[in-house]
């Protein structure tokens, strides 16, 4: 059973409802998972299944993604960050670890800048330096035109997101799910990335682990190295035979890497 089948719709703040999944436990440690643009909380299923018997867990579908509502507006970076902050405030524990993937990395880092005393560690997967989008180009086209040329985006996603040795069955499944994202939402989401504000990464002194797949064509390892160089307390692990969706392509390895990091004092 996937997470999407057991997530619950909850109001995270007035006028904003999201699909959430939570796990309670006696642990003082709470893991928050934030997926990327065009993704969904279910992409964390392998990690959540691995850790759910030991830690408190919260994950959610960003607005417009997965089972969350898909309104016409509300996809700017600041609005999504406010959603993530509201979820964090409601469910945070004594010790909190934010785990973000791709666009979720930008949300995680800005959340860390907003709440440095509440977050003990960061895990950033498929990570590069968060920057405002420039030259949205094709995303200025009407949504109905974007629907016509969806195969271009779909093929580009496959090329950049998966390692050449990844199972074709797995790739086709992820591609088919990604292809269900409405293009009006993706257009507003991508254009909303222009809002990503500058962030003083050197001020984020939280213990940080960056994990990137060796063949990541969407957020290359070179960008992850640049990010680690700017963060005062960060390390990078590059996972072989993996690309952008490294946590799904090599789940056992990623789970062990995360475990070693969060249990090391």
Protein backbone atom coordinates (compact mmCIF):
# COMPACT_ATOMS: atom_id res chain seq x y z
CA UNK A 1 0.00 0.00 0.00
CA UNK A 2 1.38 3.43 -0.96
CA UNK A 3 1.36 6.45 1.31
CA UNK A 4 -1.13 8.18 -0.97
CA UNK A 5 -3.76 5.64 0.03
CA UNK A 6 -3.46 6.36 3.76
CA UNK A 7 -2.74 10.10 3.82
CA UNK A 8 -5.31 12.37 5.42
CA UNK A 9 -6.48 15.79 4.27
CA UNK A 10 -5.78 18.33 7.01
CA UNK A 11 -5.93 22.10 7.30
CA UNK A 12 -2.37 23.29 7.92
CA UNK A 13 -3.46 26.93 8.17
CA UNK A 14 -6.56 28.91 7.32
CA UNK A 15 -7.52 28.32 3.72
CA UNK A 16 -4.78 25.74 3.03
CA UNK A 17 -5.49 22.04 3.19
CA UNK A 18 -2.86 19.43 2.34
CA UNK A 19 -2.64 15.65 2.27
CA UNK A 20 -0.50 14.60 5.24
CA UNK A 21 0.92 11.41 6.68
CA UNK A 22 2.10 11.26 10.29
CA UNK A 23 3.58 8.59 12.52
CA UNK A 24 3.66 9.00 16.29
CA UNK A 25 6.13 7.26 18.58
CA UNK A 26 7.82 7.65 21.95
CA UNK A 27 10.97 8.94 20.28
CA UNK A 28 12.09 12.53 20.86
CA UNK A 29 13.29 12.65 17.25
CA UNK A 30 10.94 13.78 14.49
CA UNK A 31 11.72 13.32 10.81
CA UNK A 32 10.09 15.72 8.32
CA UNK A 33 10.18 14.75 4.64
CA UNK A 34 9.67 17.37 1.89
CA UNK A 35 9.44 16.20 -1.73
CA UNK A 36 10.41 18.15 -4.84
CA UNK A 37 8.63 19.91 -7.70
CA UNK A 38 6.35 17.53 -9.56
CA UNK A 39 6.95 14.84 -6.93
CA UNK A 40 4.86 13.49 -4.08
CA UNK A 41 5.21 12.27 -0.51
CA UNK A 42 4.97 8.67 -1.69
CA UNK A 43 8.49 9.00 -3.12
CA UNK A 44 9.67 8.74 0.50
CA UNK A 45 7.91 5.43 1.11
CA UNK A 46 11.12 3.38 1.37
CA UNK A 47 12.58 5.77 3.92
CA UNK A 48 9.36 6.05 5.93
CA UNK A 49 8.90 2.26 6.04
CA UNK A 50 12.49 1.97 7.24
CA UNK A 51 12.24 4.54 10.05
CA UNK A 52 8.58 4.59 11.09
CA UNK A 53 8.96 2.08 13.95
CA UNK A 54 11.67 4.19 15.59
CA UNK A 55 10.91 7.87 15.03
CA UNK A 56 8.07 10.31 14.71
CA UNK A 57 7.48 11.12 11.05
CA UNK A 58 5.61 13.75 9.08
CA UNK A 59 5.38 14.13 5.33
CA UNK A 60 2.90 15.82 3.02
CA UNK A 61 2.01 16.46 -0.60
CA UNK A 62 2.84 20.02 -1.59
CA UNK A 63 -0.09 22.04 -2.89
CA UNK A 64 -1.05 20.81 -6.36
CA UNK A 65 0.82 17.52 -5.91
CA UNK A 66 -0.35 14.02 -5.12
CA UNK A 67 -3.62 14.07 -3.21
CA UNK A 68 -3.40 17.72 -2.11
CA UNK A 69 -5.84 20.23 -3.64
CA UNK A 70 -4.96 21.71 -7.02
CA UNK A 71 -6.24 25.29 -7.04
CA UNK A 72 -5.42 27.71 -9.84
CA UNK A 73 -3.15 29.87 -7.66
CA UNK A 74 -0.90 29.62 -4.60
CA UNK A 75 2.27 28.01 -5.98
CA UNK A 76 4.82 30.75 -5.30
CA UNK A 77 7.86 29.80 -3.26
CA UNK A 78 6.84 31.95 -0.31
CA UNK A 79 3.40 30.32 -0.16
CA UNK A 80 4.88 26.81 -0.26
CA UNK A 81 7.45 27.76 2.38
CA UNK A 82 4.66 29.08 4.59
CA UNK A 83 2.87 25.73 4.19
CA UNK A 84 6.01 23.81 5.17
CA UNK A 85 6.57 26.11 8.15
CA UNK A 86 2.96 25.62 9.29
CA UNK A 87 3.29 21.83 9.09
CA UNK A 88 6.59 21.99 10.97
CA UNK A 89 5.18 24.19 13.73
CA UNK A 90 2.21 21.91 14.24
CA UNK A 91 4.12 18.63 14.43
CA UNK A 92 7.66 19.47 15.56
CA UNK A 93 9.17 17.55 18.46
CA UNK A 94 12.10 18.04 20.82
CA UNK A 95 14.60 17.05 18.11
CA UNK A 96 13.79 17.69 14.47
CA UNK A 97 15.45 16.59 11.26
CA UNK A 98 14.35 18.00 7.90
CA UNK A 99 14.87 15.75 4.88
CA UNK A 100 14.30 17.48 1.54
CA UNK A 101 14.62 16.41 -2.08
CA UNK A 102 15.27 18.68 -5.10
CA UNK A 103 12.97 21.73 -4.76
CA UNK A 104 12.32 20.46 -1.25
CA UNK A 105 16.00 21.26 -0.57
CA UNK A 106 15.28 24.97 -1.09
CA UNK A 107 12.29 24.73 1.25
CA UNK A 108 14.35 22.83 3.84
CA UNK A 109 17.21 25.34 3.80
CA UNK A 110 14.91 28.35 4.11
CA UNK A 111 13.03 26.59 6.90
CA UNK A 112 16.34 26.03 8.65
CA UNK A 113 17.16 29.73 8.30
CA UNK A 114 13.78 30.64 9.80
CA UNK A 115 13.92 28.15 12.68
CA UNK A 116 17.58 27.38 13.44
CA UNK A 117 16.96 26.59 17.11
CA UNK A 118 14.26 24.03 16.34
CA UNK A 119 16.11 22.01 13.70
CA UNK A 120 19.00 19.80 14.73
CA UNK A 121 20.01 18.29 11.37
CA UNK A 122 19.34 18.58 7.64
CA UNK A 123 19.45 15.87 4.98
CA UNK A 124 19.44 17.34 1.48
CA UNK A 125 18.96 14.91 -1.42
CA UNK A 126 19.39 15.78 -5.08
CA UNK A 127 20.69 19.13 -3.88
CA UNK A 128 22.10 22.26 -5.50
CA UNK A 129 22.32 25.87 -4.31
CA UNK A 130 18.77 27.33 -4.12
CA UNK A 131 18.46 30.16 -6.61
CA UNK A 132 15.53 32.05 -8.13
CA UNK A 133 14.50 30.72 -11.52
CA UNK A 134 15.55 32.90 -14.41
CA UNK A 135 14.25 32.85 -17.95
CA UNK A 136 11.23 30.60 -17.52
CA UNK A 137 11.01 30.47 -21.33
CA UNK A 138 8.71 27.68 -22.40
CA UNK A 139 6.75 27.93 -19.15
CA UNK A 140 5.28 31.21 -20.37
CA UNK A 141 3.18 29.29 -22.90
CA UNK A 142 -0.51 28.67 -22.20
CA UNK A 143 -1.22 25.55 -20.15
CA UNK A 144 -3.11 23.87 -23.02
CA UNK A 145 -0.03 24.25 -25.24
CA UNK A 146 2.14 22.77 -22.49
CA UNK A 147 -0.22 19.79 -22.38
CA UNK A 148 0.35 19.24 -26.12
CA UNK A 149 4.11 19.19 -25.70
CA UNK A 150 4.10 17.18 -22.47
CA UNK A 151 6.17 14.35 -24.09
CA UNK A 152 9.12 16.78 -24.32
CA UNK A 153 9.02 17.35 -20.55
CA UNK A 154 8.39 13.68 -19.86
CA UNK A 155 11.35 12.50 -21.91
CA UNK A 156 13.58 15.16 -20.36
CA UNK A 157 12.53 14.03 -16.89
CA UNK A 158 13.45 10.42 -17.65
CA UNK A 159 16.81 11.42 -19.11
CA UNK A 160 17.79 13.54 -16.12
CA UNK A 161 16.16 11.69 -13.24
CA UNK A 162 17.22 8.05 -13.67
CA UNK A 163 20.46 6.10 -13.90
CA UNK A 164 21.00 4.02 -17.03
CA UNK A 165 20.93 0.82 -14.95
CA UNK A 166 17.65 1.62 -13.20
CA UNK A 167 14.81 -0.80 -13.88
CA UNK A 168 12.75 0.20 -16.93
CA UNK A 169 9.60 -0.97 -15.16
CA UNK A 170 10.33 1.43 -12.29
CA UNK A 171 11.12 4.28 -14.69
CA UNK A 172 7.87 3.78 -16.64
CA UNK A 173 5.86 3.76 -13.41
CA UNK A 174 7.42 7.00 -12.16
CA UNK A 175 7.05 8.58 -15.59
CA UNK A 176 3.38 7.68 -15.76
CA UNK A 177 2.74 9.19 -12.32
CA UNK A 178 4.70 12.33 -13.17
CA UNK A 179 2.71 12.70 -16.39
CA UNK A 180 -0.45 13.11 -14.30
CA UNK A 181 0.73 16.44 -12.87
CA UNK A 182 -1.56 19.11 -14.39
CA UNK A 183 0.39 21.49 -16.56
CA UNK A 184 -1.38 24.57 -15.22
CA UNK A 185 0.02 23.64 -11.80
CA UNK A 186 3.53 22.95 -13.11
CA UNK A 187 3.51 26.26 -14.99
CA UNK A 188 2.59 28.23 -11.86
CA UNK A 189 5.03 26.21 -9.77
CA UNK A 190 7.98 26.81 -12.09
CA UNK A 191 7.16 30.49 -12.49
CA UNK A 192 6.80 30.69 -8.69
CA UNK A 193 10.44 29.68 -8.39
CA UNK A 194 11.32 33.22 -9.42
CA UNK A 195 10.39 34.10 -5.82
CA UNK A 196 13.18 32.02 -4.27
CA UNK A 197 15.01 34.64 -2.19
CA UNK A 198 18.73 34.92 -1.68
CA UNK A 199 19.91 32.92 1.30
CA UNK A 200 23.07 33.38 3.33
CA UNK A 201 24.11 29.73 3.34
CA UNK A 202 27.16 30.46 5.50
CA UNK A 203 24.79 31.43 8.31
CA UNK A 204 23.18 27.96 8.42
CA UNK A 205 25.39 26.20 10.94
CA UNK A 206 23.18 23.13 11.27
CA UNK A 207 24.77 19.72 10.79
CA UNK A 208 23.94 18.86 7.18
CA UNK A 209 24.25 15.77 5.00
CA UNK A 210 23.99 16.15 1.23
CA UNK A 211 23.24 13.03 -0.84
CA UNK A 212 23.36 13.09 -4.63
CA UNK A 213 23.25 10.36 -7.25
CA UNK A 214 26.40 10.13 -9.34
CA UNK A 215 24.49 10.52 -12.63
CA UNK A 216 22.00 13.19 -11.54
CA UNK A 217 21.17 15.18 -14.65
CA UNK A 218 18.77 17.59 -12.93
CA UNK A 219 20.85 18.64 -9.90
CA UNK A 220 24.39 17.57 -10.81
CA UNK A 221 27.03 16.55 -8.28
CA UNK A 222 29.05 19.63 -9.23
CA UNK A 223 26.26 21.83 -7.85
CA UNK A 224 26.05 19.73 -4.69
CA UNK A 225 29.76 20.32 -4.13
CA UNK A 226 29.24 24.07 -4.48
CA UNK A 227 26.44 23.91 -1.91
CA UNK A 228 28.54 21.92 0.58
CA UNK A 229 31.40 24.39 0.19
CA UNK A 230 29.12 27.24 1.34
CA UNK A 231 27.48 25.45 4.27
CA UNK A 232 29.68 25.63 7.43
CA UNK A 233 28.83 22.15 8.71
CA UNK A 234 28.06 19.94 5.72
CA UNK A 235 29.30 16.77 4.06
CA UNK A 236 28.52 15.21 0.68
CA UNK A 237 27.99 11.55 -0.13
CA UNK A 238 27.68 10.56 -3.79
CA UNK A 239 25.76 7.35 -4.41
CA UNK A 240 26.76 5.17 -7.34
CA UNK A 241 24.28 3.76 -9.84
CA UNK A 242 21.75 6.45 -9.00
CA UNK A 243 20.51 9.73 -10.41
CA UNK A 244 18.04 12.38 -9.25
CA UNK A 245 15.66 9.97 -7.51
CA UNK A 246 18.51 8.37 -5.59
CA UNK A 247 16.33 7.63 -2.54
CA UNK A 248 14.13 5.45 -4.76
CA UNK A 249 16.82 3.96 -6.98
CA UNK A 250 19.11 2.94 -4.10
CA UNK A 251 16.79 2.92 -1.06
CA UNK A 252 18.74 0.53 1.16
CA UNK A 253 21.97 2.45 0.70
CA UNK A 254 20.31 5.83 1.23
CA UNK A 255 18.49 4.57 4.32
CA UNK A 256 21.76 3.38 5.85
CA UNK A 257 23.49 6.66 5.02
CA UNK A 258 20.68 8.62 6.66
CA UNK A 259 20.68 6.33 9.69
CA UNK A 260 24.39 6.73 10.23
CA UNK A 261 24.04 10.50 10.01
CA UNK A 262 21.07 10.98 12.32
CA UNK A 263 22.35 8.60 15.00
CA UNK A 264 25.86 10.10 15.06
CA UNK A 265 26.16 12.70 17.80
